[in-house]
N, C-alpha and C. Protein backbone atom coordinates (compact mmCIF):
# COMPACT_ATOMS: atom_id res chain seq x y z
N MET A 1 0.88 -0.88 0.03
CA MET A 1 -0.14 0.00 -0.14
C MET A 1 0.70 1.48 0.12
N ILE A 2 0.35 2.20 -0.93
CA ILE A 2 1.50 3.53 -1.12
C ILE A 2 0.87 4.25 0.19
N ASP A 3 2.61 5.04 0.58
CA ASP A 3 2.26 5.62 1.87
C ASP A 3 2.12 7.22 1.08
N TRP A 4 1.05 7.88 0.87
CA TRP A 4 0.62 8.89 0.66
C TRP A 4 1.45 10.16 0.95
N LEU A 5 1.45 10.16 2.24
CA LEU A 5 2.68 11.72 3.29
C LEU A 5 3.52 11.09 2.60
N ALA A 6 4.23 9.81 2.54
CA ALA A 6 5.90 9.91 2.07
C ALA A 6 5.97 10.05 0.67
N LEU A 7 5.09 10.00 0.05
CA LEU A 7 4.95 10.26 -1.81
C LEU A 7 4.72 11.70 -1.90
N LEU A 8 3.93 12.13 -0.85
CA LEU A 8 4.29 13.92 -1.18
C LEU A 8 5.75 13.94 -0.23
N LEU A 9 6.17 14.25 0.33
CA LEU A 9 7.52 14.32 1.03
C LEU A 9 8.52 14.30 -0.03
N THR A 10 8.73 13.16 -0.57
CA THR A 10 9.64 12.86 -1.48
C THR A 10 9.27 13.31 -2.93
N VAL A 11 8.55 13.99 -3.16
CA VAL A 11 7.80 15.04 -4.33
C VAL A 11 8.70 16.56 -4.43
N VAL A 12 8.55 16.44 -3.01
CA VAL A 12 8.42 17.73 -2.42
C VAL A 12 10.27 17.88 -1.99
N ALA A 13 11.08 17.24 -1.34
CA ALA A 13 12.27 16.72 -1.38
C ALA A 13 13.33 17.41 -2.57
N GLY A 14 12.24 15.62 -3.49
CA GLY A 14 13.46 15.88 -5.22
C GLY A 14 13.51 17.25 -5.74
N TYR A 15 12.24 17.53 -5.29
CA TYR A 15 12.07 19.08 -6.64
C TYR A 15 12.69 19.96 -5.84
N LEU A 16 13.26 20.21 -4.86
CA LEU A 16 13.82 21.10 -3.96
C LEU A 16 15.49 20.97 -4.46
N ILE A 17 15.49 19.39 -3.84
CA ILE A 17 17.19 19.17 -4.17
C ILE A 17 17.68 19.55 -5.89
N GLY A 18 16.75 18.64 -6.61
CA GLY A 18 16.75 19.07 -8.01
C GLY A 18 16.94 20.64 -8.16
N SER A 19 16.49 21.76 -7.85
CA SER A 19 16.62 23.29 -7.90
C SER A 19 18.10 23.55 -7.11
N VAL A 20 18.55 22.59 -6.64
CA VAL A 20 20.05 23.26 -6.40
C VAL A 20 20.83 23.66 -7.21
N PRO A 21 20.72 25.33 -7.92
CA PRO A 21 21.28 25.12 -8.65
C PRO A 21 23.83 25.36 -8.96
N CYS A 22 23.75 23.72 -9.52
CA CYS A 22 25.39 23.60 -9.26
C CYS A 22 25.79 24.59 -10.24
N GLY A 23 25.31 24.60 -11.68
CA GLY A 23 25.51 25.44 -12.40
C GLY A 23 26.04 27.16 -12.50
N PHE A 24 24.73 27.34 -11.61
CA PHE A 24 24.71 28.52 -11.47
C PHE A 24 26.07 29.09 -10.44
N LEU A 25 25.54 28.06 -8.85
CA LEU A 25 26.60 28.15 -7.74
C LEU A 25 27.97 28.33 -8.38
N ILE A 26 28.45 27.49 -9.83
CA ILE A 26 30.07 27.22 -9.72
C ILE A 26 30.22 28.65 -10.50
N GLY A 27 29.32 28.77 -11.51
CA GLY A 27 29.14 29.81 -12.29
C GLY A 27 29.76 31.34 -11.62
N ARG A 28 29.42 31.72 -10.44
CA ARG A 28 29.21 32.40 -10.28
C ARG A 28 31.22 32.57 -9.12
N ARG A 29 31.59 31.25 -9.12
CA ARG A 29 33.19 30.86 -8.06
C ARG A 29 34.16 31.92 -9.56
N PHE A 30 33.67 32.29 -10.72
CA PHE A 30 34.51 32.27 -11.75
C PHE A 30 33.88 33.87 -11.95
N GLY A 31 32.96 34.77 -11.25
CA GLY A 31 32.02 35.57 -11.63
C GLY A 31 31.33 35.31 -13.36
N LEU A 32 30.72 34.44 -13.56
CA LEU A 32 29.99 34.26 -14.79
C LEU A 32 28.72 33.69 -13.72
N ASP A 33 27.54 33.87 -15.12
CA ASP A 33 26.09 33.16 -14.98
C ASP A 33 26.53 32.45 -16.26
N PRO A 34 25.90 31.11 -16.00
CA PRO A 34 25.90 30.68 -17.20
C PRO A 34 25.46 30.58 -18.06
N ARG A 35 23.79 31.01 -17.53
CA ARG A 35 22.59 31.78 -18.68
C ARG A 35 23.20 32.74 -19.29
N SER A 36 24.01 33.39 -18.99
CA SER A 36 24.55 34.77 -19.46
C SER A 36 25.47 34.66 -21.20
N SER A 37 25.19 33.76 -21.46
CA SER A 37 26.57 33.06 -22.99
C SER A 37 25.88 31.57 -22.83
N GLY A 38 26.68 30.96 -24.21
CA GLY A 38 25.84 29.99 -25.12
C GLY A 38 24.48 29.39 -24.76
N SER A 39 24.35 28.29 -24.68
CA SER A 39 22.77 27.88 -24.55
C SER A 39 22.02 28.49 -23.52
N GLY A 40 22.43 28.94 -22.58
CA GLY A 40 21.09 29.75 -21.78
C GLY A 40 21.66 28.92 -20.42
N LYS A 41 21.49 28.09 -20.32
CA LYS A 41 21.85 26.71 -19.53
C LYS A 41 22.48 26.15 -18.69
N THR A 42 22.65 25.92 -17.39
CA THR A 42 23.17 25.84 -16.21
C THR A 42 23.71 24.56 -16.08
N GLY A 43 23.81 23.89 -17.62
CA GLY A 43 23.93 21.79 -17.10
C GLY A 43 25.37 22.53 -17.76
N ALA A 44 25.97 21.20 -17.57
CA ALA A 44 27.80 20.28 -17.80
C ALA A 44 28.17 20.95 -18.97
N THR A 45 27.61 20.54 -20.27
CA THR A 45 27.69 20.90 -21.41
C THR A 45 27.69 22.29 -21.56
N ASN A 46 26.97 23.40 -21.33
CA ASN A 46 27.32 24.88 -21.52
C ASN A 46 28.58 25.62 -20.68
N VAL A 47 28.54 25.17 -19.38
CA VAL A 47 29.66 24.97 -18.51
C VAL A 47 30.62 24.55 -19.25
N LEU A 48 31.02 23.79 -19.92
CA LEU A 48 31.91 23.55 -20.74
C LEU A 48 32.38 24.39 -21.61
N ARG A 49 31.61 25.15 -22.35
CA ARG A 49 32.10 25.52 -23.19
C ARG A 49 32.41 27.13 -23.18
N THR A 50 31.70 27.45 -21.07
CA THR A 50 31.68 28.97 -21.01
C THR A 50 32.74 28.88 -19.60
N LEU A 51 33.53 28.26 -19.57
CA LEU A 51 34.25 28.08 -18.10
C LEU A 51 35.35 26.70 -17.80
N GLY A 52 35.17 26.08 -19.15
CA GLY A 52 36.04 24.92 -19.15
C GLY A 52 35.82 23.91 -18.85
N ARG A 53 37.11 22.86 -19.04
CA ARG A 53 36.90 20.95 -18.01
C ARG A 53 36.55 21.51 -16.53
N LYS A 54 37.47 21.97 -16.13
CA LYS A 54 37.12 21.40 -14.22
C LYS A 54 36.38 22.01 -13.55
N ALA A 55 35.38 23.42 -14.42
CA ALA A 55 34.10 23.58 -13.83
C ALA A 55 32.70 22.70 -14.18
N SER A 56 33.19 22.49 -15.55
CA SER A 56 32.45 21.71 -16.12
C SER A 56 32.22 20.20 -15.13
N ALA A 57 33.43 19.37 -14.84
CA ALA A 57 33.55 17.84 -14.66
C ALA A 57 32.42 17.94 -13.00
N ALA A 58 32.75 19.28 -12.39
CA ALA A 58 32.09 20.07 -11.07
C ALA A 58 30.81 19.87 -10.86
N VAL A 59 30.43 20.32 -11.98
CA VAL A 59 28.76 20.64 -12.39
C VAL A 59 28.06 19.01 -12.92
N LEU A 60 28.87 18.90 -13.65
CA LEU A 60 28.86 17.57 -13.78
C LEU A 60 28.19 16.19 -12.44
N VAL A 61 29.17 16.26 -12.12
CA VAL A 61 29.05 14.87 -10.62
C VAL A 61 28.15 15.83 -10.34
N CYS A 62 27.74 17.24 -9.56
CA CYS A 62 26.86 17.30 -8.86
C CYS A 62 25.43 17.56 -9.18
N ASP A 63 25.22 17.70 -10.27
CA ASP A 63 24.05 17.32 -11.29
C ASP A 63 23.71 15.89 -11.25
N MET A 64 24.49 15.21 -10.94
CA MET A 64 24.27 13.82 -11.37
C MET A 64 24.07 12.97 -9.33
N ALA A 65 24.74 14.32 -8.34
CA ALA A 65 24.14 13.80 -7.26
C ALA A 65 23.06 13.96 -6.77
N LYS A 66 22.46 14.75 -7.58
CA LYS A 66 21.39 15.54 -6.95
C LYS A 66 20.02 14.65 -6.92
N GLY A 67 20.15 13.75 -8.29
CA GLY A 67 19.05 12.63 -8.98
C GLY A 67 19.44 11.81 -7.69
N ALA A 68 20.47 11.59 -7.85
CA ALA A 68 20.83 10.38 -6.86
C ALA A 68 21.00 10.33 -5.23
N ALA A 69 20.71 11.75 -4.92
CA ALA A 69 20.20 12.53 -3.90
C ALA A 69 18.49 12.00 -3.11
N ALA A 70 18.20 12.07 -4.50
CA ALA A 70 16.58 12.91 -4.37
C ALA A 70 16.42 11.41 -3.92
N VAL A 71 16.79 10.27 -4.86
CA VAL A 71 16.19 9.18 -5.35
C VAL A 71 16.79 7.89 -3.77
N ALA A 72 17.60 8.49 -3.22
CA ALA A 72 18.15 7.86 -1.68
C ALA A 72 17.34 8.09 -1.01
N LEU A 73 16.99 9.91 -0.67
CA LEU A 73 16.31 9.65 0.32
C LEU A 73 14.70 9.42 0.70
N ALA A 74 14.74 9.59 -0.47
CA ALA A 74 13.06 8.95 -0.91
C ALA A 74 13.30 7.41 -0.55
N ALA A 75 14.33 6.11 -0.74
CA ALA A 75 14.59 4.94 0.02
C ALA A 75 14.73 4.82 1.31
N TRP A 76 15.88 5.99 1.33
CA TRP A 76 16.32 5.60 3.03
C TRP A 76 15.40 5.98 4.00
N VAL A 77 15.39 7.46 3.36
CA VAL A 77 14.46 8.31 4.73
C VAL A 77 13.43 8.28 5.35
N PHE A 78 12.23 8.35 3.82
CA PHE A 78 10.95 8.65 3.99
C PHE A 78 10.49 7.42 3.42
N HIS A 79 11.06 5.65 3.15
CA HIS A 79 10.73 5.04 3.47
C HIS A 79 9.91 4.55 2.28
N ALA A 80 9.66 5.43 1.34
CA ALA A 80 8.93 5.42 0.12
C ALA A 80 8.26 4.77 -0.70
N GLY A 81 10.08 3.37 -0.52
CA GLY A 81 9.13 2.29 -1.86
C GLY A 81 9.71 3.17 -3.20
N LEU A 82 9.43 1.79 -3.86
CA LEU A 82 9.70 1.83 -5.12
C LEU A 82 9.24 3.51 -5.80
N PRO A 83 7.57 3.86 -5.74
CA PRO A 83 6.82 4.72 -6.58
C PRO A 83 7.38 6.25 -5.67
N GLY A 84 7.94 5.79 -4.53
CA GLY A 84 8.92 6.96 -3.95
C GLY A 84 10.03 7.45 -4.79
N GLU A 85 10.59 6.55 -5.24
CA GLU A 85 11.46 6.61 -5.45
C GLU A 85 11.66 7.04 -7.57
N VAL A 86 10.87 6.81 -7.78
CA VAL A 86 10.36 7.19 -9.17
C VAL A 86 10.06 8.51 -9.36
N ALA A 87 9.06 8.89 -8.13
CA ALA A 87 8.43 10.13 -7.83
C ALA A 87 9.83 11.29 -7.73
N ALA A 88 10.50 10.66 -6.82
CA ALA A 88 11.80 11.88 -6.48
C ALA A 88 12.77 12.03 -7.78
N GLY A 89 12.96 10.98 -8.16
CA GLY A 89 13.80 11.08 -9.32
C GLY A 89 12.94 12.04 -10.46
N VAL A 90 12.29 12.01 -10.63
CA VAL A 90 11.28 12.36 -11.90
C VAL A 90 11.14 14.30 -11.16
N SER A 91 10.93 13.90 -10.08
CA SER A 91 10.52 15.29 -9.11
C SER A 91 11.80 16.26 -9.36
N ALA A 92 13.19 15.74 -9.01
CA ALA A 92 14.18 16.03 -9.13
C ALA A 92 15.11 16.61 -10.86
N ILE A 93 14.42 15.78 -11.49
CA ILE A 93 14.93 16.05 -12.77
C ILE A 93 13.87 17.52 -13.19
N LEU A 94 12.25 18.09 -12.93
CA LEU A 94 11.72 19.18 -13.00
C LEU A 94 12.35 20.48 -12.29
N GLY A 95 13.15 19.31 -10.82
CA GLY A 95 13.78 20.77 -10.20
C GLY A 95 14.83 21.59 -10.68
N HIS A 96 15.87 20.54 -11.15
CA HIS A 96 16.86 20.94 -11.87
C HIS A 96 16.87 22.08 -13.83
N VAL A 97 15.41 21.32 -14.31
CA VAL A 97 15.00 22.08 -15.09
C VAL A 97 14.69 23.80 -15.17
N PHE A 98 13.67 23.65 -13.86
CA PHE A 98 13.04 24.61 -13.41
C PHE A 98 13.18 24.82 -12.09
N PRO A 99 14.29 24.84 -11.70
CA PRO A 99 14.98 25.56 -10.45
C PRO A 99 14.51 26.70 -9.88
N VAL A 100 13.53 26.72 -8.55
CA VAL A 100 12.90 27.72 -8.13
C VAL A 100 13.79 28.19 -7.28
N PHE A 101 14.92 28.68 -6.81
CA PHE A 101 15.75 28.96 -6.04
C PHE A 101 16.85 30.52 -7.43
N ILE A 102 16.53 30.04 -8.92
CA ILE A 102 17.08 30.52 -9.58
C ILE A 102 16.09 31.32 -10.59
N GLY A 103 14.85 31.66 -10.35
CA GLY A 103 13.95 31.57 -11.55
C GLY A 103 13.46 31.09 -11.99
N PHE A 104 13.53 29.80 -12.28
CA PHE A 104 13.00 28.68 -12.99
C PHE A 104 13.18 28.53 -14.45
N ARG A 105 14.59 28.81 -14.45
CA ARG A 105 15.91 28.69 -15.88
C ARG A 105 17.05 28.21 -15.34
N GLY A 106 17.02 26.72 -15.22
CA GLY A 106 17.93 25.96 -15.19
C GLY A 106 18.75 25.03 -16.46
N GLY A 107 18.56 23.59 -16.01
CA GLY A 107 19.30 23.19 -17.46
C GLY A 107 18.33 22.01 -17.97
N ARG A 108 19.26 21.26 -18.83
CA ARG A 108 17.94 20.46 -19.80
C ARG A 108 17.86 19.10 -18.70
N GLY A 109 18.71 18.59 -17.76
CA GLY A 109 17.76 17.56 -16.56
C GLY A 109 18.52 16.21 -17.30
N VAL A 110 19.95 16.30 -17.50
CA VAL A 110 20.32 14.87 -18.51
C VAL A 110 21.31 14.22 -17.24
N ALA A 111 22.09 14.86 -16.50
CA ALA A 111 22.99 14.35 -15.82
C ALA A 111 22.34 14.11 -14.32
N THR A 112 21.41 14.70 -13.96
CA THR A 112 19.65 14.51 -12.73
C THR A 112 19.54 13.28 -12.80
N ALA A 113 18.66 13.66 -14.04
CA ALA A 113 18.45 12.16 -14.55
C ALA A 113 18.70 11.02 -14.80
N LEU A 114 20.20 11.17 -15.02
CA LEU A 114 21.22 9.71 -14.86
C LEU A 114 21.58 9.33 -13.33
N GLY A 115 21.70 10.22 -12.59
CA GLY A 115 21.90 9.60 -11.25
C GLY A 115 20.61 9.85 -10.87
N ALA A 116 19.48 9.93 -10.70
CA ALA A 116 17.97 9.03 -10.09
C ALA A 116 18.58 7.79 -10.39
N MET A 117 18.37 7.26 -12.08
CA MET A 117 18.93 6.15 -12.77
C MET A 117 19.11 5.26 -11.90
N LEU A 118 20.53 5.91 -12.09
CA LEU A 118 22.29 4.87 -11.19
C LEU A 118 21.47 4.16 -9.56
N VAL A 119 20.33 5.21 -9.21
CA VAL A 119 19.73 4.58 -8.10
C VAL A 119 18.54 3.53 -7.86
N ILE A 120 18.07 4.08 -8.89
CA ILE A 120 16.89 3.29 -8.89
C ILE A 120 17.53 1.71 -9.96
N SER A 121 17.83 1.89 -10.37
CA SER A 121 18.72 0.60 -10.93
C SER A 121 19.80 0.81 -11.87
N PRO A 122 20.51 0.17 -11.16
CA PRO A 122 22.25 0.51 -11.57
C PRO A 122 22.48 0.34 -12.81
N VAL A 123 21.73 -0.84 -12.67
CA VAL A 123 22.19 -1.79 -14.68
C VAL A 123 21.58 -1.14 -15.69
N VAL A 124 21.21 -0.27 -15.37
CA VAL A 124 19.71 0.63 -16.42
C VAL A 124 20.72 2.02 -16.41
N GLY A 125 21.02 2.03 -15.19
CA GLY A 125 21.81 3.25 -15.30
C GLY A 125 23.10 3.57 -15.53
N LEU A 126 23.83 2.29 -15.40
CA LEU A 126 24.77 2.43 -16.29
C LEU A 126 25.17 2.12 -17.88
N VAL A 127 23.46 1.35 -18.77
CA VAL A 127 23.66 1.47 -19.94
C VAL A 127 23.84 2.86 -20.58
N ALA A 128 22.72 3.57 -19.37
CA ALA A 128 23.02 5.03 -19.86
C ALA A 128 23.70 5.67 -20.57
N LEU A 129 25.15 5.62 -19.40
CA LEU A 129 26.35 6.21 -18.86
C LEU A 129 27.36 6.00 -20.05
N ILE A 130 27.01 5.23 -20.55
CA ILE A 130 28.14 4.05 -20.79
C ILE A 130 27.82 4.08 -22.26
N THR A 131 26.63 4.36 -22.63
CA THR A 131 26.28 4.85 -24.26
C THR A 131 26.16 5.89 -24.43
N GLY A 132 25.76 7.32 -23.68
CA GLY A 132 25.63 8.06 -23.78
C GLY A 132 27.68 7.97 -23.77
N ALA A 133 28.44 8.27 -23.02
CA ALA A 133 29.75 8.58 -22.79
C ALA A 133 30.02 8.65 -24.22
N ALA A 134 30.31 6.49 -24.56
CA ALA A 134 30.64 6.39 -25.55
C ALA A 134 30.36 7.43 -27.57
N VAL A 135 29.04 7.53 -27.35
CA VAL A 135 28.38 8.35 -28.43
C VAL A 135 28.97 9.98 -28.24
N ILE A 136 28.95 10.48 -27.08
CA ILE A 136 29.82 11.47 -27.23
C ILE A 136 31.31 11.67 -27.53
N ALA A 137 31.79 10.37 -26.62
CA ALA A 137 33.56 10.52 -26.88
C ALA A 137 33.75 10.72 -28.82
N ARG A 138 32.54 10.05 -29.40
CA ARG A 138 33.05 9.62 -30.59
C ARG A 138 32.39 10.52 -31.64
N SER A 139 31.15 11.42 -31.44
CA SER A 139 30.76 12.15 -32.12
C SER A 139 31.34 13.74 -32.03
N LYS A 140 31.48 14.24 -30.49
CA LYS A 140 31.85 14.99 -29.81
C LYS A 140 30.36 15.87 -30.03
N VAL A 141 29.39 15.73 -29.95
CA VAL A 141 27.87 15.97 -29.78
C VAL A 141 27.00 15.91 -28.18
N ALA A 142 27.22 16.25 -27.36
CA ALA A 142 26.45 16.03 -26.33
C ALA A 142 25.08 15.67 -26.17
N SER A 143 24.46 16.23 -26.81
CA SER A 143 23.31 15.93 -26.73
C SER A 143 22.79 15.04 -27.85
N LEU A 144 23.80 14.15 -28.81
CA LEU A 144 23.25 13.22 -29.08
C LEU A 144 23.63 12.01 -28.24
N GLY A 145 24.80 12.29 -27.82
CA GLY A 145 24.59 11.15 -26.64
C GLY A 145 23.68 10.91 -25.36
N SER A 146 23.58 12.40 -25.37
CA SER A 146 22.13 11.85 -24.32
C SER A 146 21.54 11.47 -24.73
N LEU A 147 20.94 12.12 -25.92
CA LEU A 147 19.37 11.06 -26.18
C LEU A 147 19.42 9.62 -26.55
N LEU A 148 20.40 9.08 -27.05
CA LEU A 148 20.65 7.86 -27.52
C LEU A 148 20.78 7.23 -26.36
N GLY A 149 21.80 7.74 -25.20
CA GLY A 149 21.55 7.17 -23.89
C GLY A 149 20.44 7.17 -23.44
N ALA A 150 19.57 8.16 -23.47
CA ALA A 150 18.11 8.14 -22.74
C ALA A 150 17.67 6.83 -23.17
N GLY A 151 17.71 6.44 -24.69
CA GLY A 151 16.80 5.63 -25.33
C GLY A 151 16.77 4.72 -24.77
N LEU A 152 17.84 4.31 -25.52
CA LEU A 152 18.44 3.22 -24.92
C LEU A 152 18.65 3.03 -24.14
N ALA A 153 18.76 3.09 -23.17
CA ALA A 153 18.21 2.98 -21.26
C ALA A 153 16.81 2.51 -21.63
N LEU A 154 15.54 3.24 -22.03
CA LEU A 154 14.78 2.94 -22.13
C LEU A 154 14.15 1.68 -22.89
N ALA A 155 15.01 1.86 -24.09
CA ALA A 155 14.76 -0.03 -24.32
C ALA A 155 14.63 -0.87 -23.67
N PHE A 156 16.18 -0.87 -23.18
CA PHE A 156 16.88 -2.00 -22.39
C PHE A 156 16.00 -2.52 -21.15
N VAL A 157 15.84 -1.59 -20.49
CA VAL A 157 14.27 -1.71 -19.18
C VAL A 157 13.40 -2.05 -19.62
N ALA A 158 12.92 -1.65 -21.16
CA ALA A 158 11.98 -2.11 -21.23
C ALA A 158 11.55 -3.85 -21.94
N VAL A 159 12.64 -4.27 -22.04
CA VAL A 159 13.28 -6.06 -23.22
C VAL A 159 13.43 -6.39 -21.54
N LEU A 160 14.45 -5.51 -19.88
CA LEU A 160 13.92 -6.62 -19.15
C LEU A 160 12.28 -6.73 -18.38
N VAL A 161 11.68 -5.85 -18.69
CA VAL A 161 10.36 -5.72 -18.06
C VAL A 161 10.07 -6.52 -18.59
N ALA A 162 10.05 -6.74 -19.86
CA ALA A 162 9.17 -7.77 -20.89
C ALA A 162 9.92 -9.11 -19.72
N ALA A 163 11.10 -9.50 -19.30
CA ALA A 163 11.32 -11.27 -19.42
C ALA A 163 10.86 -11.08 -18.44
N HIS A 164 10.65 -10.44 -17.15
CA HIS A 164 10.76 -10.10 -15.78
C HIS A 164 12.04 -10.29 -15.10
N MET A 165 12.14 -9.94 -15.61
CA MET A 165 13.50 -9.12 -15.15
C MET A 165 13.89 -7.97 -13.80
N GLU A 166 12.98 -6.81 -14.22
CA GLU A 166 12.87 -6.15 -13.54
C GLU A 166 11.48 -6.03 -13.50
N LYS A 167 11.03 -4.49 -12.67
CA LYS A 167 9.42 -4.22 -11.87
C LYS A 167 9.29 -3.14 -13.46
N ALA A 168 8.08 -3.06 -13.39
CA ALA A 168 7.86 -1.93 -14.41
C ALA A 168 7.63 -0.32 -13.93
N LEU A 169 7.43 -0.37 -12.61
CA LEU A 169 8.51 1.18 -11.83
C LEU A 169 9.62 1.96 -12.72
N PRO A 170 10.57 0.87 -12.68
CA PRO A 170 11.79 1.53 -13.20
C PRO A 170 11.64 2.18 -15.08
N LEU A 171 10.87 1.32 -15.54
CA LEU A 171 10.25 1.69 -16.87
C LEU A 171 9.67 3.09 -16.32
N LEU A 172 8.51 2.83 -16.10
CA LEU A 172 8.09 4.32 -15.94
C LEU A 172 8.89 5.47 -15.99
N TYR A 173 9.42 5.06 -15.15
CA TYR A 173 11.05 6.71 -14.92
C TYR A 173 11.56 6.67 -16.03
N CYS A 174 12.14 6.09 -17.04
CA CYS A 174 12.57 5.77 -18.05
C CYS A 174 12.15 6.71 -18.95
N LEU A 175 10.91 6.37 -19.31
CA LEU A 175 9.82 6.64 -19.71
C LEU A 175 9.64 8.24 -19.71
N LEU A 176 9.69 8.38 -18.44
CA LEU A 176 9.07 10.25 -18.12
C LEU A 176 10.56 10.70 -18.44
N ALA A 177 11.52 10.79 -18.16
CA ALA A 177 12.85 10.55 -17.61
C ALA A 177 12.18 10.81 -19.41
N THR A 178 12.86 10.77 -20.44
CA THR A 178 12.79 10.54 -21.51
C THR A 178 12.59 11.50 -22.01
N LEU A 179 10.93 11.72 -22.19
CA LEU A 179 10.30 12.18 -22.59
C LEU A 179 10.82 13.76 -22.23
N ILE A 180 11.18 13.93 -20.89
CA ILE A 180 11.56 14.84 -20.27
C ILE A 180 12.48 15.59 -21.10
N LEU A 181 13.87 14.88 -21.31
CA LEU A 181 14.60 15.25 -22.30
C LEU A 181 14.63 15.68 -23.12
N ALA A 182 13.91 14.67 -24.43
CA ALA A 182 12.96 15.33 -25.47
C ALA A 182 12.48 16.82 -25.87
N LEU A 183 12.07 17.09 -24.50
CA LEU A 183 11.21 18.59 -24.57
C LEU A 183 11.98 19.49 -23.99
N THR A 184 13.22 18.93 -23.63
CA THR A 184 14.24 19.97 -23.29
C THR A 184 15.98 20.07 -23.63
N HIS A 185 15.24 18.94 -25.25
CA HIS A 185 16.21 19.32 -26.06
C HIS A 185 16.13 19.58 -27.77
N ARG A 186 14.20 20.14 -27.37
CA ARG A 186 14.10 20.47 -28.51
C ARG A 186 14.82 20.66 -29.70
N ASP A 187 15.31 21.66 -29.34
CA ASP A 187 16.16 22.88 -30.24
C ASP A 187 17.71 22.12 -31.09
N ASN A 188 18.01 21.43 -29.62
CA ASN A 188 18.97 20.60 -30.25
C ASN A 188 18.38 19.27 -30.55
N ILE A 189 17.29 18.54 -31.12
CA ILE A 189 17.34 17.86 -32.63
C ILE A 189 16.72 18.65 -33.39
N GLN A 190 16.46 19.67 -33.43
CA GLN A 190 16.40 20.97 -34.93
C GLN A 190 17.81 20.85 -35.22
N ARG A 191 18.23 21.46 -34.33
CA ARG A 191 19.71 21.36 -35.14
C ARG A 191 20.45 19.72 -35.58
N LEU A 192 20.50 18.71 -34.82
CA LEU A 192 20.47 17.46 -35.28
C LEU A 192 19.79 17.25 -36.44
N ALA A 193 19.10 17.32 -36.97
CA ALA A 193 18.15 17.35 -37.85
C ALA A 193 18.89 17.74 -39.47
N SER A 194 19.26 19.32 -38.97
CA SER A 194 19.43 19.65 -39.95
C SER A 194 21.10 20.05 -39.55
N GLY A 195 21.62 19.12 -39.55
CA GLY A 195 23.08 18.92 -39.38
C GLY A 195 24.05 20.24 -39.08
N THR A 196 23.31 21.13 -37.66
CA THR A 196 23.79 22.28 -37.24
C THR A 196 24.45 22.02 -35.93
N GLU A 197 24.13 21.25 -35.31
CA GLU A 197 24.33 20.67 -34.12
C GLU A 197 25.83 20.79 -33.55
N ARG A 198 26.27 22.06 -32.59
CA ARG A 198 27.52 22.15 -32.20
C ARG A 198 28.49 21.06 -31.56
N LYS A 199 29.65 20.56 -31.92
CA LYS A 199 30.13 19.81 -31.25
C LYS A 199 30.92 20.74 -30.04
N ILE A 200 31.47 19.74 -29.19
CA ILE A 200 32.25 20.17 -28.06
C ILE A 200 33.82 19.82 -28.13
N HIS A 201 34.33 20.60 -27.43
CA HIS A 201 35.80 20.14 -27.35
C HIS A 201 36.05 19.25 -26.03
N ILE A 202 36.12 18.74 -25.67
CA ILE A 202 36.65 17.41 -24.56
C ILE A 202 37.71 17.59 -24.11
């Protein structure tokens, strides 16, 4: 039976954790709001372009930690079960994309979604991580790696659920996360289709 109070607390906590603006805070140490240049986002890719590798790596780790922390809090503090973990993960992504602390202008949600997935279903999370990293290393296109990583993770968890090797809720999380990432990458998808998407220098 679902504990609705615990579920509500995980949603609120997940959103607030996701709203912690890592890219913005790290950017301030360098005297720059990453939203003022590049793509206007606070994620690791835009920080890479505007502030360099070290700052980008710090943002990447911090944003992944937000997703992982939100799910871990749901599981181990609120004891909300798998429904709470999924709700916390999705809420953390939304918090990252629409952070209450900096005027609801955040990042695209990739690293936070990945961090949450690594706790909800580590095997699926690793598939997304390895796929995304391999595509980015090969193509130097961050958006392509992010979207393909999410898509392959969704397909992989669907196969696991069909084979009764995984529960259905991680599939729901992957589906919702992939939909959110597709929406936050709308402009990237258009540039990928037209062959004008920018590459990164790792």
